[in-house]
Amino acid sequence: MTYRIELAATAKADIRGQAQWLRENVSPAAATKWLDGLYKAIDSLQTRPLRCPVAAESDKFPEEIHELLYGPRGKRKHKHRIIFTVGEDTVYVLYVRHTARDELEP
């Protein structure tokens, strides 16, 4: 089965904000590289999204939420959590948050 991917407004805002920060503080090339990799990671959720673990804060929400980590392998810092729910035929990406941020609150 192939799932549709739907980005929530909150996820789009998270992505725009991070890309802008990278453009301004690192380089436009770094922002482009990050975005390309992020969208590739998100696209991987089209198949087998439930391979990803349940997010730590999932029990605070009415629906089960999962997370996919995105960032350099082996390095703890600079990783982002792609936070999503899985519907019947759609993966809903809710947030893209840096791992240094606190857990989500409903």
C-alpha atoms as a PDB file:
ATOM      1  CA  MET A   1       0.000   0.000   0.000  1.00  0.00           C
ATOM      2  CA  THR A   2       1.137   3.519  -0.762  1.00  0.00           C
ATOM      3  CA  TYR A   3       0.047   6.318   1.567  1.00  0.00           C
ATOM      4  CA  ARG A   4      -0.608   9.903   0.546  1.00  0.00           C
ATOM      5  CA  ILE A   5       1.451  12.486   2.425  1.00  0.00           C
ATOM      6  CA  GLU A   6      -0.262  15.579   3.775  1.00  0.00           C
ATOM      7  CA  LEU A   7       1.689  18.362   5.475  1.00  0.00           C
ATOM      8  CA  ALA A   8      -0.163  20.306   8.167  1.00  0.00           C
ATOM      9  CA  ALA A   9       0.221  24.078   8.273  1.00  0.00           C
ATOM     10  CA  THR A  10       2.291  23.658  11.439  1.00  0.00           C
ATOM     11  CA  ALA A  11       4.734  21.337   9.649  1.00  0.00           C
ATOM     12  CA  LYS A  12       5.021  23.729   6.689  1.00  0.00           C
ATOM     13  CA  ALA A  13       5.762  26.602   9.082  1.00  0.00           C
ATOM     14  CA  ASP A  14       8.383  24.505  10.919  1.00  0.00           C
ATOM     15  CA  ILE A  15      10.081  23.612   7.626  1.00  0.00           C
ATOM     16  CA  ARG A  16      10.052  27.200   6.339  1.00  0.00           C
ATOM     17  CA  GLY A  17      11.477  28.478   9.624  1.00  0.00           C
ATOM     18  CA  GLN A  18      14.317  25.967   9.739  1.00  0.00           C
ATOM     19  CA  ALA A  19      15.211  26.503   6.079  1.00  0.00           C
ATOM     20  CA  GLN A  20      15.253  30.267   6.588  1.00  0.00           C
ATOM     21  CA  TRP A  21      17.459  29.917   9.665  1.00  0.00           C
ATOM     22  CA  LEU A  22      19.914  27.740   7.704  1.00  0.00           C
ATOM     23  CA  ARG A  23      19.958  30.199   4.775  1.00  0.00           C
ATOM     24  CA  GLU A  24      20.683  33.134   7.077  1.00  0.00           C
ATOM     25  CA  ASN A  25      23.074  31.473   9.550  1.00  0.00           C
ATOM     26  CA  VAL A  26      24.848  28.776   7.551  1.00  0.00           C
ATOM     27  CA  SER A  27      24.381  29.102   3.774  1.00  0.00           C
ATOM     28  CA  PRO A  28      21.774  28.861   1.045  1.00  0.00           C
ATOM     29  CA  ALA A  29      23.411  25.602  -0.065  1.00  0.00           C
ATOM     30  CA  ALA A  30      23.007  24.117   3.435  1.00  0.00           C
ATOM     31  CA  ALA A  31      19.326  25.088   3.444  1.00  0.00           C
ATOM     32  CA  THR A  32      18.781  23.464   0.042  1.00  0.00           C
ATOM     33  CA  LYS A  33      20.601  20.296   1.100  1.00  0.00           C
ATOM     34  CA  TRP A  34      18.572  20.099   4.327  1.00  0.00           C
ATOM     35  CA  LEU A  35      15.283  20.612   2.486  1.00  0.00           C
ATOM     36  CA  ASP A  36      16.106  18.005  -0.174  1.00  0.00           C
ATOM     37  CA  GLY A  37      16.973  15.423   2.468  1.00  0.00           C
ATOM     38  CA  LEU A  38      13.967  16.279   4.605  1.00  0.00           C
ATOM     39  CA  TYR A  39      11.509  15.867   1.740  1.00  0.00           C
ATOM     40  CA  LYS A  40      13.166  12.576   0.810  1.00  0.00           C
ATOM     41  CA  ALA A  41      12.693  11.373   4.412  1.00  0.00           C
ATOM     42  CA  ILE A  42       9.060  12.524   4.408  1.00  0.00           C
ATOM     43  CA  ASP A  43       8.451  10.795   1.056  1.00  0.00           C
ATOM     44  CA  SER A  44       9.766   7.548   2.577  1.00  0.00           C
ATOM     45  CA  LEU A  45       6.650   7.554   4.776  1.00  0.00           C
ATOM     46  CA  GLN A  46       4.568   6.681   1.687  1.00  0.00           C
ATOM     47  CA  THR A  47       5.516   3.072   2.325  1.00  0.00           C
ATOM     48  CA  ARG A  48       5.546   1.460   5.766  1.00  0.00           C
ATOM     49  CA  PRO A  49       5.086   4.540   7.969  1.00  0.00           C
ATOM     50  CA  LEU A  50       4.409   2.287  10.951  1.00  0.00           C
ATOM     51  CA  ARG A  51       8.056   1.183  10.876  1.00  0.00           C
ATOM     52  CA  CYS A  52       8.678   4.396  12.814  1.00  0.00           C
ATOM     53  CA  PRO A  53       8.387   4.326  16.598  1.00  0.00           C
ATOM     54  CA  VAL A  54       5.567   5.850  18.571  1.00  0.00           C
ATOM     55  CA  ALA A  55       6.595   9.291  19.823  1.00  0.00           C
ATOM     56  CA  ALA A  56       7.317   9.622  23.544  1.00  0.00           C
ATOM     57  CA  GLU A  57       4.467  12.094  24.059  1.00  0.00           C
ATOM     58  CA  SER A  58       1.911  10.063  22.086  1.00  0.00           C
ATOM     59  CA  ASP A  59      -0.061   9.132  25.208  1.00  0.00           C
ATOM     60  CA  LYS A  60      -0.939  12.833  25.696  1.00  0.00           C
ATOM     61  CA  PHE A  61      -2.838  12.926  22.393  1.00  0.00           C
ATOM     62  CA  PRO A  62      -6.129  11.377  21.256  1.00  0.00           C
ATOM     63  CA  GLU A  63      -4.393   9.728  18.268  1.00  0.00           C
ATOM     64  CA  GLU A  64      -1.200   7.709  18.215  1.00  0.00           C
ATOM     65  CA  ILE A  65       1.660   9.846  16.922  1.00  0.00           C
ATOM     66  CA  HIS A  66       4.881   8.522  15.432  1.00  0.00           C
ATOM     67  CA  GLU A  67       8.240  10.082  14.715  1.00  0.00           C
ATOM     68  CA  LEU A  68      10.947   9.719  12.110  1.00  0.00           C
ATOM     69  CA  LEU A  69      14.344  11.184  12.959  1.00  0.00           C
ATOM     70  CA  TYR A  70      16.066  13.133  10.204  1.00  0.00           C
ATOM     71  CA  GLY A  71      19.622  14.418  10.306  1.00  0.00           C
ATOM     72  CA  PRO A  72      23.258  13.389  10.073  1.00  0.00           C
ATOM     73  CA  ARG A  73      23.878   9.776  11.032  1.00  0.00           C
ATOM     74  CA  GLY A  74      25.706   9.196  14.272  1.00  0.00           C
ATOM     75  CA  LYS A  75      25.470  12.786  15.478  1.00  0.00           C
ATOM     76  CA  ARG A  76      22.996  13.498  18.248  1.00  0.00           C
ATOM     77  CA  LYS A  77      22.735  17.209  17.519  1.00  0.00           C
ATOM     78  CA  HIS A  78      21.193  18.714  14.410  1.00  0.00           C
ATOM     79  CA  LYS A  79      18.498  16.045  14.193  1.00  0.00           C
ATOM     80  CA  HIS A  80      14.857  16.809  13.583  1.00  0.00           C
ATOM     81  CA  ARG A  81      11.767  14.832  14.481  1.00  0.00           C
ATOM     82  CA  ILE A  82       9.203  14.397  11.742  1.00  0.00           C
ATOM     83  CA  ILE A  83       6.061  13.926  13.830  1.00  0.00           C
ATOM     84  CA  PHE A  84       3.051  12.347  12.161  1.00  0.00           C
ATOM     85  CA  THR A  85      -0.120  10.306  12.459  1.00  0.00           C
ATOM     86  CA  VAL A  86      -1.241   7.550  10.117  1.00  0.00           C
ATOM     87  CA  GLY A  87      -4.765   7.504   8.740  1.00  0.00           C
ATOM     88  CA  GLU A  88      -6.453   4.913   6.586  1.00  0.00           C
ATOM     89  CA  ASP A  89      -4.590   5.939   3.428  1.00  0.00           C
ATOM     90  CA  THR A  90      -2.804   9.162   4.450  1.00  0.00           C
ATOM     91  CA  VAL A  91       0.203  10.085   6.566  1.00  0.00           C
ATOM     92  CA  TYR A  92      -0.409  13.445   8.220  1.00  0.00           C
ATOM     93  CA  VAL A  93       2.875  15.230   9.005  1.00  0.00           C
ATOM     94  CA  LEU A  94       2.073  17.464  11.954  1.00  0.00           C
ATOM     95  CA  TYR A  95       5.424  18.973  12.959  1.00  0.00           C
ATOM     96  CA  VAL A  96       9.108  19.012  12.093  1.00  0.00           C
ATOM     97  CA  ARG A  97      10.896  19.856  15.341  1.00  0.00           C
ATOM     98  CA  HIS A  98      14.523  19.967  16.398  1.00  0.00           C
ATOM     99  CA  THR A  99      15.342  17.227  18.905  1.00  0.00           C
ATOM    100  CA  ALA A 100      16.585  19.846  21.390  1.00  0.00           C
ATOM    101  CA  ARG A 101      13.051  21.191  21.797  1.00  0.00           C
ATOM    102  CA  ASP A 102      10.720  20.041  24.557  1.00  0.00           C
ATOM    103  CA  GLU A 103       8.128  17.348  23.960  1.00  0.00           C
ATOM    104  CA  LEU A 104       4.895  18.362  22.270  1.00  0.00           C
ATOM    105  CA  GLU A 105       1.913  19.405  24.337  1.00  0.00           C
ATOM    106  CA  PRO A 106      -1.635  18.978  23.039  1.00  0.00           C
END
